[in-house]
């Protein structure tokens, strides 16, 4: 599909059962096995070196990578001006002596989190395919992002959130015009309830990996890192807070496509960080399992990491293992210490999820997943502004519930 935007979208593929699907019609999961579909592109039609060098003359938004994104019509692009987010050297980090640490700060995106990447692309593609009734079960930030981009697209949006979601999040989604419903349980129970409530009503599920295009927006994380790092500057490892894990899938997809195009010669190790009491992906890595089994009693004060059963976890594990990466867990107390250290030492506002990679540094060194002398990138997925004023000590004393 090469047309108004130059998109080279070719087809959708299921990596679990090899089913191929025409991308020209609305589709969610694989019609054969029910797992995630991923977009493929006609990479052989791209003059890679000229394209890569020419990116600097384009506007500094995620849409600069339009040939490797799925939107065909410029009129369908629903943008809020998604900027390239900063890649900031942190300077000395006592917990990671000898490691060159940089931070990618997606708190600078519209709606304050990396969820804007996925929803910008997914809502644009939904608009192109004629989908105007959208819903999502969310821990908070994805719901806010869908509400904002849905408002831009003039679509009807419903957001389903766990009852204990911090109040600024449902309020923000409502401010964008979304209908918000608070339901009991974790994201797993909320997702099941939302899909039951929506059954037969025509709404399209925009959940993580349950539609093919949010991961394409998350892919721009990897494309930006490669472009910003420049020749010879790619990090040895990227440390990523992992809930649903779509960002890991997207970054691995980006690096794989760039490697196929001959634009990078190595893929950074992808390192997942999860809270110690909700770590299905890290457990699967340690046990050598092909998929993550549901976590039995999930708790954490980081709402975006309270994902006890990531959908299509096979793809998440494939991304980590394919990059020679790994994973560690951190305590809630360490996450809070990370929030405070990023603010007081480095002037960075981070959500609990965004601070988890910083908190993980000592664990990663101890387990030799990173080493002195290496370059490491921490992915801060969201701003701490929605959590301003939170009494973290009281939250820790009360427990994560």
Protein backbone atom coordinates (compact mmCIF):
# COMPACT_ATOMS: atom_id res chain seq x y z
CA UNK A 1 0.00 0.00 0.00
CA UNK A 2 1.99 3.01 -1.23
CA UNK A 3 -0.21 6.07 -1.65
CA UNK A 4 -0.72 9.48 -0.05
CA UNK A 5 1.61 8.91 2.88
CA UNK A 6 3.91 6.47 1.10
CA UNK A 7 2.99 3.75 3.62
CA UNK A 8 4.47 0.39 2.63
CA UNK A 9 1.94 -1.62 4.65
CA UNK A 10 1.62 -5.01 3.00
CA UNK A 11 -0.38 -7.41 5.18
CA UNK A 12 -1.09 -8.56 8.72
CA UNK A 13 0.49 -11.76 9.98
CA UNK A 14 0.09 -14.01 13.00
CA UNK A 15 3.47 -15.24 14.22
CA UNK A 16 1.80 -18.02 16.21
CA UNK A 17 -0.06 -19.83 13.41
CA UNK A 18 1.23 -18.03 10.26
CA UNK A 19 -2.23 -16.82 9.18
CA UNK A 20 -2.09 -13.81 6.84
CA UNK A 21 -4.85 -11.19 6.82
CA UNK A 22 -5.74 -8.41 4.39
CA UNK A 23 -5.15 -5.10 6.23
CA UNK A 24 -7.77 -3.31 4.16
CA UNK A 25 -10.62 -4.25 6.48
CA UNK A 26 -11.12 -3.87 10.23
CA UNK A 27 -9.70 -6.79 12.20
CA UNK A 28 -8.70 -7.40 15.79
CA UNK A 29 -6.96 -10.64 16.71
CA UNK A 30 -5.96 -13.51 14.45
CA UNK A 31 -9.13 -15.13 13.05
CA UNK A 32 -7.51 -18.57 13.26
CA UNK A 33 -5.91 -18.76 16.72
CA UNK A 34 -7.09 -15.60 18.48
CA UNK A 35 -3.61 -14.18 19.19
CA UNK A 36 -1.98 -10.95 18.05
CA UNK A 37 -1.63 -9.87 14.44
CA UNK A 38 1.40 -7.80 13.40
CA UNK A 39 1.76 -5.54 10.37
CA UNK A 40 4.37 -6.28 7.72
CA UNK A 41 5.79 -3.83 5.20
CA UNK A 42 7.28 -4.07 1.71
CA UNK A 43 10.73 -3.13 2.98
CA UNK A 44 12.37 -4.03 -0.33
CA UNK A 45 10.61 -1.05 -1.91
CA UNK A 46 12.29 1.46 0.41
CA UNK A 47 15.55 3.14 -0.60
CA UNK A 48 16.75 2.75 2.94
CA UNK A 49 19.89 4.90 3.13
CA UNK A 50 18.31 7.85 1.36
CA UNK A 51 15.15 7.53 3.43
CA UNK A 52 17.06 7.41 6.72
CA UNK A 53 19.29 10.37 5.91
CA UNK A 54 16.29 12.37 4.70
CA UNK A 55 14.37 12.05 7.94
CA UNK A 56 16.15 15.06 9.45
CA UNK A 57 14.37 17.35 6.99
CA UNK A 58 10.95 16.18 8.12
CA UNK A 59 8.92 17.54 11.06
CA UNK A 60 10.17 16.09 14.36
CA UNK A 61 7.05 14.04 15.09
CA UNK A 62 6.44 10.32 15.06
CA UNK A 63 4.80 10.72 11.63
CA UNK A 64 8.26 11.32 10.09
CA UNK A 65 8.41 7.50 9.83
CA UNK A 66 5.23 7.38 7.74
CA UNK A 67 6.51 4.77 5.25
CA UNK A 68 6.80 2.27 8.11
CA UNK A 69 3.43 3.19 9.63
CA UNK A 70 0.07 1.80 8.51
CA UNK A 71 -1.83 4.98 7.58
CA UNK A 72 -2.36 5.44 3.83
CA UNK A 73 -4.37 8.67 3.71
CA UNK A 74 -2.93 11.90 5.17
CA UNK A 75 -6.49 13.00 5.94
CA UNK A 76 -6.88 10.07 8.33
CA UNK A 77 -3.95 11.08 10.53
CA UNK A 78 -5.29 12.19 13.92
CA UNK A 79 -2.35 14.05 15.40
CA UNK A 80 -1.91 16.08 18.55
CA UNK A 81 1.62 17.05 17.50
CA UNK A 82 3.43 14.00 18.93
CA UNK A 83 7.05 15.20 19.27
CA UNK A 84 10.24 13.22 19.27
CA UNK A 85 10.88 12.87 22.99
CA UNK A 86 14.23 13.75 24.59
CA UNK A 87 17.07 11.31 25.13
CA UNK A 88 18.76 12.70 28.25
CA UNK A 89 22.15 11.68 29.71
CA UNK A 90 21.58 11.35 33.45
CA UNK A 91 25.17 11.86 34.55
CA UNK A 92 26.52 9.92 37.54
CA UNK A 93 24.09 7.36 38.97
CA UNK A 94 25.42 5.99 42.29
CA UNK A 95 23.45 2.77 41.92
CA UNK A 96 25.07 2.06 38.55
CA UNK A 97 28.70 3.09 38.95
CA UNK A 98 30.60 2.86 35.66
CA UNK A 99 27.47 2.60 33.50
CA UNK A 100 26.60 5.39 31.06
CA UNK A 101 22.90 5.95 31.77
CA UNK A 102 20.49 7.84 29.49
CA UNK A 103 16.77 8.32 29.89
CA UNK A 104 14.12 8.47 27.16
CA UNK A 105 11.33 10.64 28.55
CA UNK A 106 7.91 9.98 27.04
CA UNK A 107 6.26 12.16 29.65
CA UNK A 108 6.69 14.91 27.05
CA UNK A 109 4.05 13.35 24.76
CA UNK A 110 0.42 14.50 24.53
CA UNK A 111 -1.58 13.11 27.49
CA UNK A 112 1.70 12.69 29.38
CA UNK A 113 2.65 9.11 28.55
CA UNK A 114 3.95 6.74 25.89
CA UNK A 115 0.37 5.53 25.34
CA UNK A 116 -0.05 8.53 23.01
CA UNK A 117 2.21 6.80 20.48
CA UNK A 118 0.06 3.72 20.17
CA UNK A 119 -3.27 5.50 20.25
CA UNK A 120 -2.22 8.18 17.73
CA UNK A 121 -1.55 5.46 15.17
CA UNK A 122 -4.35 3.09 16.20
CA UNK A 123 -7.05 5.78 16.20
CA UNK A 124 -5.78 7.12 12.88
CA UNK A 125 -5.96 3.67 11.34
CA UNK A 126 -9.38 3.07 12.89
CA UNK A 127 -10.55 6.34 11.33
CA UNK A 128 -9.17 5.26 7.96
CA UNK A 129 -11.05 1.96 8.22
CA UNK A 130 -14.33 3.68 9.19
CA UNK A 131 -14.34 2.66 12.87
CA UNK A 132 -15.96 5.39 14.98
CA UNK A 133 -17.07 3.51 18.10
CA UNK A 134 -14.06 2.56 20.23
CA UNK A 135 -13.48 1.21 23.72
CA UNK A 136 -10.56 0.11 25.87
CA UNK A 137 -10.01 -1.53 29.27
CA UNK A 138 -7.10 0.36 30.80
CA UNK A 139 -5.03 0.92 33.91
CA UNK A 140 -5.32 4.65 33.20
CA UNK A 141 -2.95 6.13 30.65
CA UNK A 142 -4.19 4.17 27.64
CA UNK A 143 -7.74 5.22 28.44
CA UNK A 144 -6.72 8.87 28.63
CA UNK A 145 -4.87 8.59 25.33
CA UNK A 146 -7.80 6.91 23.57
CA UNK A 147 -10.14 9.56 24.95
CA UNK A 148 -7.93 12.36 23.62
CA UNK A 149 -7.34 10.91 20.16
CA UNK A 150 -10.94 9.77 19.97
CA UNK A 151 -12.01 13.36 20.62
CA UNK A 152 -9.70 14.49 17.82
CA UNK A 153 -11.29 11.91 15.50
CA UNK A 154 -14.82 12.74 16.71
CA UNK A 155 -15.30 9.11 17.64
CA UNK A 156 -17.39 7.69 20.44
CA UNK A 157 -15.10 6.38 23.20
CA UNK A 158 -15.71 4.23 26.27
CA UNK A 159 -12.99 3.65 28.86
CA UNK A 160 -13.15 0.86 31.45
CA UNK A 161 -10.89 1.30 34.49
CA UNK A 162 -10.23 -0.61 37.72
CA UNK A 163 -12.10 0.93 40.65
CA UNK A 164 -8.84 1.82 42.42
CA UNK A 165 -7.39 3.81 39.53
CA UNK A 166 -6.00 7.14 40.85
CA UNK A 167 -8.71 9.77 40.52
CA UNK A 168 -6.88 12.12 38.11
CA UNK A 169 -7.03 9.42 35.44
CA UNK A 170 -10.80 8.86 35.15
CA UNK A 171 -11.27 12.62 35.48
CA UNK A 172 -8.89 13.26 32.57
CA UNK A 173 -10.62 10.68 30.35
CA UNK A 174 -14.00 12.26 31.11
CA UNK A 175 -12.61 15.72 30.34
CA UNK A 176 -11.83 14.52 26.81
CA UNK A 177 -15.45 13.45 26.42
CA UNK A 178 -15.13 9.71 26.99
CA UNK A 179 -17.68 7.65 28.85
CA UNK A 180 -15.85 6.13 31.84
CA UNK A 181 -16.87 3.07 33.82
CA UNK A 182 -15.08 1.92 36.97
CA UNK A 183 -15.16 -1.85 37.53
CA UNK A 184 -13.87 -4.14 40.30
CA UNK A 185 -10.67 -6.13 40.01
CA UNK A 186 -7.37 -5.79 38.20
CA UNK A 187 -6.97 -5.01 34.52
CA UNK A 188 -7.51 -8.71 33.76
CA UNK A 189 -10.98 -8.75 35.35
CA UNK A 190 -11.84 -5.31 33.98
CA UNK A 191 -10.89 -6.41 30.46
CA UNK A 192 -13.07 -9.52 30.63
CA UNK A 193 -15.99 -7.52 32.01
CA UNK A 194 -15.59 -4.78 29.39
CA UNK A 195 -15.59 -7.28 26.53
CA UNK A 196 -18.69 -8.96 27.97
CA UNK A 197 -20.49 -5.62 28.29
CA UNK A 198 -19.49 -4.60 24.76
CA UNK A 199 -20.42 -7.89 23.09
CA UNK A 200 -22.91 -7.37 20.29
CA UNK A 201 -22.88 -3.57 20.50
CA UNK A 202 -20.49 -2.81 17.64
CA UNK A 203 -17.68 -1.18 19.61
CA UNK A 204 -14.10 -1.91 18.52
CA UNK A 205 -11.65 -3.16 21.16
CA UNK A 206 -8.48 -1.02 21.24
CA UNK A 207 -6.75 -3.15 23.91
CA UNK A 208 -3.04 -3.91 23.87
CA UNK A 209 -2.26 -6.39 21.06
CA UNK A 210 -5.97 -7.08 20.52
CA UNK A 211 -5.82 -4.79 17.49
CA UNK A 212 -2.83 -4.64 15.12
CA UNK A 213 -1.87 -0.98 15.09
CA UNK A 214 -1.10 0.24 18.61
CA UNK A 215 2.14 -1.74 18.39
CA UNK A 216 3.00 0.20 15.22
CA UNK A 217 2.78 3.42 17.19
CA UNK A 218 4.93 1.90 19.92
CA UNK A 219 7.41 0.94 17.18
CA UNK A 220 8.32 4.61 16.89
CA UNK A 221 10.02 4.28 20.29
CA UNK A 222 12.69 2.14 18.68
CA UNK A 223 12.85 4.19 15.49
CA UNK A 224 13.45 7.37 17.50
CA UNK A 225 16.09 5.76 19.69
CA UNK A 226 18.02 4.57 16.64
CA UNK A 227 17.79 7.95 14.92
CA UNK A 228 18.67 9.97 18.03
CA UNK A 229 21.53 7.69 19.04
CA UNK A 230 23.13 7.92 15.60
CA UNK A 231 25.92 5.75 14.16
CA UNK A 232 27.76 3.92 16.91
CA UNK A 233 25.56 5.39 19.62
CA UNK A 234 22.98 2.67 20.11
CA UNK A 235 22.65 1.63 23.75
CA UNK A 236 23.82 -1.81 24.79
CA UNK A 237 20.58 -2.33 26.69
CA UNK A 238 17.14 -0.73 27.07
CA UNK A 239 15.41 -1.09 30.43
CA UNK A 240 11.65 -1.04 30.10
CA UNK A 241 8.79 -1.12 32.66
CA UNK A 242 6.60 -4.01 31.59
CA UNK A 243 2.87 -4.33 32.05
CA UNK A 244 1.20 -5.47 28.84
CA UNK A 245 4.59 -5.38 27.13
CA UNK A 246 3.55 -3.83 23.82
CA UNK A 247 6.46 -1.39 23.95
CA UNK A 248 8.92 -4.29 23.98
CA UNK A 249 7.19 -5.86 20.99
CA UNK A 250 7.18 -2.51 19.18
CA UNK A 251 10.84 -1.71 19.84
CA UNK A 252 11.99 -5.18 18.80
CA UNK A 253 9.91 -4.86 15.64
CA UNK A 254 11.47 -1.47 14.89
CA UNK A 255 15.01 -2.71 15.40
CA UNK A 256 14.35 -5.82 13.33
CA UNK A 257 13.00 -3.76 10.45
CA UNK A 258 15.94 -1.36 10.63
CA UNK A 259 18.36 -4.30 10.67
CA UNK A 260 16.64 -5.79 7.61
CA UNK A 261 17.07 -2.43 5.88
CA UNK A 262 20.78 -2.44 6.78
CA UNK A 263 20.43 0.71 8.89
CA UNK A 264 21.63 -0.74 12.20
CA UNK A 265 24.09 -3.55 12.83
CA UNK A 266 22.90 -4.71 16.26
CA UNK A 267 19.80 -4.78 18.42
CA UNK A 268 20.00 -3.55 22.04
CA UNK A 269 19.20 -6.07 24.75
CA UNK A 270 15.65 -5.51 25.95
CA UNK A 271 15.32 -5.81 29.73
CA UNK A 272 11.90 -6.06 31.33
CA UNK A 273 11.20 -4.65 34.81
CA UNK A 274 8.13 -5.76 36.76
CA UNK A 275 6.97 -5.31 40.36
CA UNK A 276 7.87 -8.24 42.58
CA UNK A 277 4.23 -9.07 43.32
CA UNK A 278 3.04 -8.92 39.70
CA UNK A 279 5.78 -10.33 37.48
CA UNK A 280 4.34 -12.88 35.04
CA UNK A 281 6.78 -12.00 32.24
CA UNK A 282 9.91 -12.15 34.44
CA UNK A 283 8.73 -15.45 35.91
CA UNK A 284 8.26 -16.90 32.43
CA UNK A 285 11.77 -15.77 31.48
CA UNK A 286 13.27 -17.40 34.55
CA UNK A 287 11.36 -20.62 34.02
CA UNK A 288 11.99 -20.79 30.27
CA UNK A 289 8.24 -20.85 29.58
CA UNK A 290 6.84 -20.09 26.10
CA UNK A 291 4.14 -17.83 27.56
CA UNK A 292 3.42 -15.95 30.77
CA UNK A 293 0.92 -17.62 33.07
CA UNK A 294 -1.46 -15.40 35.09
CA UNK A 295 -0.02 -14.06 38.34
CA UNK A 296 -2.01 -15.46 41.24
CA UNK A 297 -2.36 -12.55 43.71
CA UNK A 298 -1.17 -9.41 41.87
CA UNK A 299 -0.42 -6.24 43.85
CA UNK A 300 1.60 -3.08 43.22
CA UNK A 301 1.18 0.67 43.68
CA UNK A 302 2.21 1.22 40.02
CA UNK A 303 -1.17 0.94 38.24
CA UNK A 304 0.28 0.54 34.74
CA UNK A 305 2.29 -2.50 35.88
CA UNK A 306 -0.65 -4.27 37.49
CA UNK A 307 -1.15 -6.59 34.52
CA UNK A 308 -1.34 -10.16 35.84
CA UNK A 309 -2.00 -11.83 32.46
CA UNK A 310 -0.49 -10.00 29.44
CA UNK A 311 -2.31 -10.85 26.22
CA UNK A 312 -0.18 -12.58 23.55
CA UNK A 313 2.72 -12.78 25.99
CA UNK A 314 4.43 -15.04 23.45
CA UNK A 315 5.27 -11.94 21.43
CA UNK A 316 6.63 -10.12 24.50
CA UNK A 317 8.87 -13.04 25.42
CA UNK A 318 9.96 -13.37 21.78
CA UNK A 319 11.10 -9.73 21.78
CA UNK A 320 13.11 -10.13 24.99
CA UNK A 321 14.68 -13.44 24.03
CA UNK A 322 15.28 -12.37 20.44
CA UNK A 323 17.32 -9.41 21.70
CA UNK A 324 19.29 -11.59 24.17
CA UNK A 325 17.63 -9.68 26.99
CA UNK A 326 16.16 -10.63 30.35
CA UNK A 327 14.15 -9.32 33.24
CA UNK A 328 14.17 -8.41 36.94
CA UNK A 329 11.68 -7.46 39.62
CA UNK A 330 11.64 -4.49 41.97
CA UNK A 331 9.70 -3.77 45.16
CA UNK A 332 7.17 -0.99 45.50
CA UNK A 333 9.50 0.67 48.01
CA UNK A 334 12.28 0.66 45.41
CA UNK A 335 9.91 2.14 42.82
CA UNK A 336 9.03 5.01 45.17
CA UNK A 337 12.72 5.59 45.85
CA UNK A 338 13.21 5.73 42.08
CA UNK A 339 10.47 8.35 41.69
CA UNK A 340 12.15 10.49 44.33
CA UNK A 341 15.69 10.03 43.04
CA UNK A 342 14.78 10.91 39.46
CA UNK A 343 13.15 14.11 40.67
CA UNK A 344 15.72 15.21 43.27
CA UNK A 345 18.92 14.09 41.50
CA UNK A 346 18.04 14.47 37.84
CA UNK A 347 15.10 16.87 37.59
CA UNK A 348 12.87 14.29 35.93
CA UNK A 349 9.20 13.83 36.76
CA UNK A 350 8.35 10.14 36.47
CA UNK A 351 5.30 8.05 37.17
CA UNK A 352 5.84 4.93 39.30
CA UNK A 353 5.98 2.89 36.09
CA UNK A 354 8.46 5.33 34.54
CA UNK A 355 10.70 5.14 37.61
CA UNK A 356 10.81 1.33 37.74
CA UNK A 357 13.77 1.07 35.29
CA UNK A 358 15.83 3.41 37.48
CA UNK A 359 14.94 1.33 40.52
CA UNK A 360 16.04 -1.80 38.66
CA UNK A 361 19.64 -0.70 38.01
CA UNK A 362 21.24 -2.36 41.07
CA UNK A 363 19.39 -5.61 40.33
CA UNK A 364 20.47 -5.57 36.69
CA UNK A 365 24.11 -5.08 37.68
CA UNK A 366 23.94 -7.78 40.33
CA UNK A 367 22.47 -10.26 37.86
CA UNK A 368 24.98 -9.14 35.19
CA UNK A 369 22.25 -8.18 32.75
CA UNK A 370 24.16 -4.91 32.43
CA UNK A 371 27.86 -4.35 33.12
CA UNK A 372 30.18 -1.44 33.94
CA UNK A 373 31.41 0.21 30.77
CA UNK A 374 28.12 -0.31 28.94
CA UNK A 375 25.61 2.26 27.72
CA UNK A 376 22.11 1.76 29.13
CA UNK A 377 18.88 3.53 28.23
CA UNK A 378 16.07 3.76 30.78
CA UNK A 379 12.61 4.15 29.28
CA UNK A 380 10.48 6.57 31.31
CA UNK A 381 7.00 5.83 30.01
CA UNK A 382 5.11 8.64 31.70
CA UNK A 383 5.11 11.87 33.64
CA UNK A 384 4.65 11.95 37.40
CA UNK A 385 2.19 14.84 37.19
CA UNK A 386 -0.95 12.67 37.70
CA UNK A 387 0.65 11.47 40.94
CA UNK A 388 1.61 14.93 42.25
CA UNK A 389 0.76 15.23 45.91
CA UNK A 390 0.67 11.47 46.50
CA UNK A 391 1.76 10.54 50.01
CA UNK A 392 3.99 7.67 48.99
CA UNK A 393 4.97 6.77 52.56
CA UNK A 394 1.31 6.39 53.51
CA UNK A 395 0.70 4.30 50.38
CA UNK A 396 3.61 2.02 51.24
CA UNK A 397 2.48 1.67 54.86
CA UNK A 398 -1.06 0.87 53.70
CA UNK A 399 0.12 -1.71 51.18
CA UNK A 400 -0.44 -1.69 47.41
CA UNK A 401 -4.15 -2.46 47.61
